[in-house]
């Protein structure tokens, strides 16, 4: 995680936004890999429910 964060910060300092975004995604993937799978599932379901409410037409 420290390597990904360091690479992201270095890319930000250079103004290389695409690389910085890629490194921050890598950081989050590493972080998520250490989370409880049930927590990830619960979070994913909540995000899906929210997304559905945003795309459903209002009556």
PDB file of N, CA and C in Angstrom:
ATOM      1  N   UNK A   1       0.817  -1.189   0.000  1.00  0.00           N
ATOM      2  CA  UNK A   1       0.000   0.000   0.000  1.00  0.00           C
ATOM      3  C   UNK A   1       0.861   1.253   0.000  1.00  0.00           C
ATOM      4  N   UNK A   2       1.918   1.222   0.762  1.00  0.00           N
ATOM      5  CA  UNK A   2       2.782   2.399   0.843  1.00  0.00           C
ATOM      6  C   UNK A   2       3.404   2.713  -0.510  1.00  0.00           C
ATOM      7  N   UNK A   3       3.772   1.680  -1.266  1.00  0.00           N
ATOM      8  CA  UNK A   3       4.372   1.882  -2.586  1.00  0.00           C
ATOM      9  C   UNK A   3       3.375   2.533  -3.546  1.00  0.00           C
ATOM     10  N   UNK A   4       2.133   2.051  -3.535  1.00  0.00           N
ATOM     11  CA  UNK A   4       1.103   2.627  -4.408  1.00  0.00           C
ATOM     12  C   UNK A   4       0.809   4.070  -4.018  1.00  0.00           C
ATOM     13  N   UNK A   5       0.715   4.346  -2.734  1.00  0.00           N
ATOM     14  CA  UNK A   5       0.454   5.714  -2.273  1.00  0.00           C
ATOM     15  C   UNK A   5       1.607   6.637  -2.656  1.00  0.00           C
ATOM     16  N   UNK A   6       2.818   6.150  -2.493  1.00  0.00           N
ATOM     17  CA  UNK A   6       3.986   6.949  -2.848  1.00  0.00           C
ATOM     18  C   UNK A   6       4.014   7.248  -4.343  1.00  0.00           C
ATOM     19  N   UNK A   7       3.700   6.238  -5.152  1.00  0.00           N
ATOM     20  CA  UNK A   7       3.685   6.430  -6.611  1.00  0.00           C
ATOM     21  C   UNK A   7       2.589   7.420  -7.008  1.00  0.00           C
ATOM     22  N   UNK A   8       1.445   7.349  -6.348  1.00  0.00           N
ATOM     23  CA  UNK A   8       0.344   8.266  -6.647  1.00  0.00           C
ATOM     24  C   UNK A   8       0.725   9.695  -6.282  1.00  0.00           C
ATOM     25  N   UNK A   9       1.322   9.867  -5.138  1.00  0.00           N
ATOM     26  CA  UNK A   9       1.725  11.209  -4.710  1.00  0.00           C
ATOM     27  C   UNK A   9       2.793  11.784  -5.639  1.00  0.00           C
ATOM     28  N   UNK A  10       3.728  10.934  -6.072  1.00  0.00           N
ATOM     29  CA  UNK A  10       4.769  11.394  -6.989  1.00  0.00           C
ATOM     30  C   UNK A  10       4.161  11.817  -8.325  1.00  0.00           C
ATOM     31  N   UNK A  11       3.208  11.039  -8.816  1.00  0.00           N
ATOM     32  CA  UNK A  11       2.547  11.386 -10.076  1.00  0.00           C
ATOM     33  C   UNK A  11       1.759  12.685  -9.941  1.00  0.00           C
ATOM     34  N   UNK A  12       1.106  12.872  -8.801  1.00  0.00           N
ATOM     35  CA  UNK A  12       0.382  14.124  -8.557  1.00  0.00           C
ATOM     36  C   UNK A  12       1.347  15.302  -8.556  1.00  0.00           C
ATOM     37  N   UNK A  13       2.494  15.126  -7.930  1.00  0.00           N
ATOM     38  CA  UNK A  13       3.483  16.201  -7.853  1.00  0.00           C
ATOM     39  C   UNK A  13       4.006  16.563  -9.242  1.00  0.00           C
ATOM     40  N   UNK A  14       4.081  15.575 -10.146  1.00  0.00           N
ATOM     41  CA  UNK A  14       4.519  15.822 -11.521  1.00  0.00           C
ATOM     42  C   UNK A  14       3.398  16.376 -12.390  1.00  0.00           C
ATOM     43  N   UNK A  15       2.174  16.357 -11.855  1.00  0.00           N
ATOM     44  CA  UNK A  15       1.033  16.800 -12.636  1.00  0.00           C
ATOM     45  C   UNK A  15       0.532  15.750 -13.612  1.00  0.00           C
ATOM     46  N   UNK A  16       0.916  14.506 -13.386  1.00  0.00           N
ATOM     47  CA  UNK A  16       0.515  13.393 -14.256  1.00  0.00           C
ATOM     48  C   UNK A  16      -0.763  12.762 -13.704  1.00  0.00           C
ATOM     49  N   UNK A  17      -1.886  13.404 -13.993  1.00  0.00           N
ATOM     50  CA  UNK A  17      -3.169  12.973 -13.429  1.00  0.00           C
ATOM     51  C   UNK A  17      -3.576  11.548 -13.809  1.00  0.00           C
ATOM     52  N   UNK A  18      -3.403  11.121 -15.069  1.00  0.00           N
ATOM     53  CA  UNK A  18      -3.800   9.741 -15.404  1.00  0.00           C
ATOM     54  C   UNK A  18      -3.042   8.688 -14.587  1.00  0.00           C
ATOM     55  N   UNK A  19      -1.752   8.886 -14.416  1.00  0.00           N
ATOM     56  CA  UNK A  19      -0.961   7.932 -13.631  1.00  0.00           C
ATOM     57  C   UNK A  19      -1.351   8.017 -12.159  1.00  0.00           C
ATOM     58  N   UNK A  20      -1.579   9.213 -11.664  1.00  0.00           N
ATOM     59  CA  UNK A  20      -1.985   9.377 -10.265  1.00  0.00           C
ATOM     60  C   UNK A  20      -3.304   8.650 -10.015  1.00  0.00           C
ATOM     61  N   UNK A  21      -4.260   8.797 -10.926  1.00  0.00           N
ATOM     62  CA  UNK A  21      -5.550   8.117 -10.765  1.00  0.00           C
ATOM     63  C   UNK A  21      -5.369   6.604 -10.773  1.00  0.00           C
ATOM     64  N   UNK A  22      -4.519   6.113 -11.668  1.00  0.00           N
ATOM     65  CA  UNK A  22      -4.253   4.667 -11.736  1.00  0.00           C
ATOM     66  C   UNK A  22      -3.629   4.169 -10.432  1.00  0.00           C
ATOM     67  N   UNK A  23      -2.680   4.904  -9.903  1.00  0.00           N
ATOM     68  CA  UNK A  23      -2.022   4.486  -8.660  1.00  0.00           C
ATOM     69  C   UNK A  23      -2.975   4.547  -7.474  1.00  0.00           C
ATOM     70  N   UNK A  24      -3.855   5.559  -7.436  1.00  0.00           N
ATOM     71  CA  UNK A  24      -4.831   5.610  -6.339  1.00  0.00           C
ATOM     72  C   UNK A  24      -5.822   4.455  -6.449  1.00  0.00           C
ATOM     73  N   UNK A  25      -6.201   4.057  -7.677  1.00  0.00           N
ATOM     74  CA  UNK A  25      -7.063   2.879  -7.845  1.00  0.00           C
ATOM     75  C   UNK A  25      -6.354   1.634  -7.326  1.00  0.00           C
ATOM     76  N   UNK A  26      -5.072   1.508  -7.659  1.00  0.00           N
ATOM     77  CA  UNK A  26      -4.292   0.370  -7.167  1.00  0.00           C
ATOM     78  C   UNK A  26      -4.269   0.367  -5.634  1.00  0.00           C
ATOM     79  N   UNK A  27      -4.075   1.534  -5.043  1.00  0.00           N
ATOM     80  CA  UNK A  27      -4.059   1.654  -3.590  1.00  0.00           C
ATOM     81  C   UNK A  27      -5.386   1.171  -2.992  1.00  0.00           C
ATOM     82  N   UNK A  28      -6.510   1.631  -3.594  1.00  0.00           N
ATOM     83  CA  UNK A  28      -7.827   1.230  -3.076  1.00  0.00           C
ATOM     84  C   UNK A  28      -8.078  -0.264  -3.251  1.00  0.00           C
ATOM     85  N   UNK A  29      -7.597  -0.835  -4.353  1.00  0.00           N
ATOM     86  CA  UNK A  29      -7.757  -2.280  -4.546  1.00  0.00           C
ATOM     87  C   UNK A  29      -6.996  -3.065  -3.486  1.00  0.00           C
ATOM     88  N   UNK A  30      -5.789  -2.622  -3.200  1.00  0.00           N
ATOM     89  CA  UNK A  30      -4.999  -3.286  -2.159  1.00  0.00           C
ATOM     90  C   UNK A  30      -5.699  -3.149  -0.809  1.00  0.00           C
ATOM     91  N   UNK A  31      -6.195  -1.950  -0.530  1.00  0.00           N
ATOM     92  CA  UNK A  31      -6.897  -1.684   0.726  1.00  0.00           C
ATOM     93  C   UNK A  31      -8.146  -2.560   0.838  1.00  0.00           C
ATOM     94  N   UNK A  32      -8.923  -2.628  -0.254  1.00  0.00           N
ATOM     95  CA  UNK A  32     -10.151  -3.430  -0.238  1.00  0.00           C
ATOM     96  C   UNK A  32      -9.870  -4.916  -0.084  1.00  0.00           C
ATOM     97  N   UNK A  33      -8.747  -5.379  -0.597  1.00  0.00           N
ATOM     98  CA  UNK A  33      -8.412  -6.802  -0.503  1.00  0.00           C
ATOM     99  C   UNK A  33      -8.255  -7.249   0.948  1.00  0.00           C
ATOM    100  N   UNK A  34      -7.947  -6.320   1.832  1.00  0.00           N
ATOM    101  CA  UNK A  34      -7.768  -6.675   3.238  1.00  0.00           C
ATOM    102  C   UNK A  34      -9.055  -6.542   4.047  1.00  0.00           C
ATOM    103  N   UNK A  35     -10.134  -6.072   3.403  1.00  0.00           N
ATOM    104  CA  UNK A  35     -11.406  -5.889   4.112  1.00  0.00           C
ATOM    105  C   UNK A  35     -12.178  -7.196   4.204  1.00  0.00           C
ATOM    106  N   UNK A  36     -13.091  -7.244   5.144  1.00  0.00           N
ATOM    107  CA  UNK A  36     -13.969  -8.392   5.329  1.00  0.00           C
ATOM    108  C   UNK A  36     -14.875  -8.523   4.099  1.00  0.00           C
ATOM    109  N   UNK A  37     -14.923  -9.704   3.487  1.00  0.00           N
ATOM    110  CA  UNK A  37     -15.759  -9.890   2.299  1.00  0.00           C
ATOM    111  C   UNK A  37     -17.229  -9.547   2.541  1.00  0.00           C
ATOM    112  N   UNK A  38     -17.739  -9.812   3.715  1.00  0.00           N
ATOM    113  CA  UNK A  38     -19.138  -9.482   4.015  1.00  0.00           C
ATOM    114  C   UNK A  38     -19.359  -7.971   4.006  1.00  0.00           C
ATOM    115  N   UNK A  39     -18.385  -7.222   4.502  1.00  0.00           N
ATOM    116  CA  UNK A  39     -18.495  -5.757   4.468  1.00  0.00           C
ATOM    117  C   UNK A  39     -18.499  -5.250   3.030  1.00  0.00           C
ATOM    118  N   UNK A  40     -17.636  -5.835   2.197  1.00  0.00           N
ATOM    119  CA  UNK A  40     -17.601  -5.439   0.794  1.00  0.00           C
ATOM    120  C   UNK A  40     -18.918  -5.756   0.096  1.00  0.00           C
ATOM    121  N   UNK A  41     -19.474  -6.914   0.390  1.00  0.00           N
ATOM    122  CA  UNK A  41     -20.749  -7.304  -0.212  1.00  0.00           C
ATOM    123  C   UNK A  41     -21.857  -6.350   0.220  1.00  0.00           C
ATOM    124  N   UNK A  42     -21.910  -6.046   1.502  1.00  0.00           N
ATOM    125  CA  UNK A  42     -22.921  -5.122   2.028  1.00  0.00           C
ATOM    126  C   UNK A  42     -22.783  -3.748   1.375  1.00  0.00           C
ATOM    127  N   UNK A  43     -21.562  -3.282   1.245  1.00  0.00           N
ATOM    128  CA  UNK A  43     -21.328  -1.986   0.612  1.00  0.00           C
ATOM    129  C   UNK A  43     -21.743  -2.022  -0.866  1.00  0.00           C
ATOM    130  N   UNK A  44     -21.427  -3.110  -1.551  1.00  0.00           N
ATOM    131  CA  UNK A  44     -21.800  -3.239  -2.955  1.00  0.00           C
ATOM    132  C   UNK A  44     -23.308  -3.247  -3.151  1.00  0.00           C
ATOM    133  N   UNK A  45     -24.016  -3.945  -2.289  1.00  0.00           N
ATOM    134  CA  UNK A  45     -25.479  -3.978  -2.371  1.00  0.00           C
ATOM    135  C   UNK A  45     -26.053  -2.585  -2.127  1.00  0.00           C
ATOM    136  N   UNK A  46     -25.547  -1.899  -1.122  1.00  0.00           N
ATOM    137  CA  UNK A  46     -26.026  -0.547  -0.830  1.00  0.00           C
ATOM    138  C   UNK A  46     -25.782   0.390  -2.010  1.00  0.00           C
ATOM    139  N   UNK A  47     -24.623   0.272  -2.654  1.00  0.00           N
ATOM    140  CA  UNK A  47     -24.339   1.106  -3.822  1.00  0.00           C
ATOM    141  C   UNK A  47     -25.276   0.778  -4.980  1.00  0.00           C
ATOM    142  N   UNK A  48     -25.579  -0.502  -5.160  1.00  0.00           N
ATOM    143  CA  UNK A  48     -26.494  -0.911  -6.223  1.00  0.00           C
ATOM    144  C   UNK A  48     -27.899  -0.365  -5.984  1.00  0.00           C
ATOM    145  N   UNK A  49     -28.364  -0.435  -4.752  1.00  0.00           N
ATOM    146  CA  UNK A  49     -29.687   0.092  -4.413  1.00  0.00           C
ATOM    147  C   UNK A  49     -29.729   1.595  -4.670  1.00  0.00           C
ATOM    148  N   UNK A  50     -28.691   2.284  -4.277  1.00  0.00           N
ATOM    149  CA  UNK A  50     -28.623   3.729  -4.505  1.00  0.00           C
ATOM    150  C   UNK A  50     -28.628   4.040  -5.997  1.00  0.00           C
ATOM    151  N   UNK A  51     -27.855   3.290  -6.765  1.00  0.00           N
ATOM    152  CA  UNK A  51     -27.807   3.507  -8.214  1.00  0.00           C
ATOM    153  C   UNK A  51     -29.178   3.294  -8.838  1.00  0.00           C
ATOM    154  N   UNK A  52     -29.877   2.271  -8.399  1.00  0.00           N
ATOM    155  CA  UNK A  52     -31.209   2.011  -8.942  1.00  0.00           C
ATOM    156  C   UNK A  52     -32.176   3.142  -8.640  1.00  0.00           C
ATOM    157  N   UNK A  53     -32.097   3.701  -7.459  1.00  0.00           N
ATOM    158  CA  UNK A  53     -32.985   4.809  -7.118  1.00  0.00           C
ATOM    159  C   UNK A  53     -32.663   6.057  -7.939  1.00  0.00           C
ATOM    160  N   UNK A  54     -31.414   6.197  -8.347  1.00  0.00           N
ATOM    161  CA  UNK A  54     -31.043   7.357  -9.146  1.00  0.00           C
ATOM    162  C   UNK A  54     -31.513   7.246 -10.595  1.00  0.00           C
ATOM    163  N   UNK A  55     -31.630   6.024 -11.108  1.00  0.00           N
ATOM    164  CA  UNK A  55     -32.016   5.861 -12.511  1.00  0.00           C
ATOM    165  C   UNK A  55     -33.498   5.598 -12.702  1.00  0.00           C
ATOM    166  N   UNK A  56     -34.224   5.268 -11.642  1.00  0.00           N
ATOM    167  CA  UNK A  56     -35.647   5.018 -11.763  1.00  0.00           C
ATOM    168  C   UNK A  56     -36.389   6.335 -11.952  1.00  0.00           C
ATOM    169  N   UNK A  57     -37.317   6.344 -12.893  1.00  0.00           N
ATOM    170  CA  UNK A  57     -38.084   7.574 -13.096  1.00  0.00           C
ATOM    171  C   UNK A  57     -38.991   7.862 -11.898  1.00  0.00           C
ATOM    172  N   UNK A  58     -39.185   9.127 -11.616  1.00  0.00           N
ATOM    173  CA  UNK A  58     -40.074   9.536 -10.515  1.00  0.00           C
ATOM    174  C   UNK A  58     -41.517   9.402 -10.995  1.00  0.00           C
ATOM    175  N   UNK A  59     -42.445   8.987 -10.089  1.00  0.00           N
ATOM    176  CA  UNK A  59     -43.857   8.856 -10.484  1.00  0.00           C
ATOM    177  C   UNK A  59     -44.514  10.185 -10.748  1.00  0.00           C
TER     178      UNK A  59
END
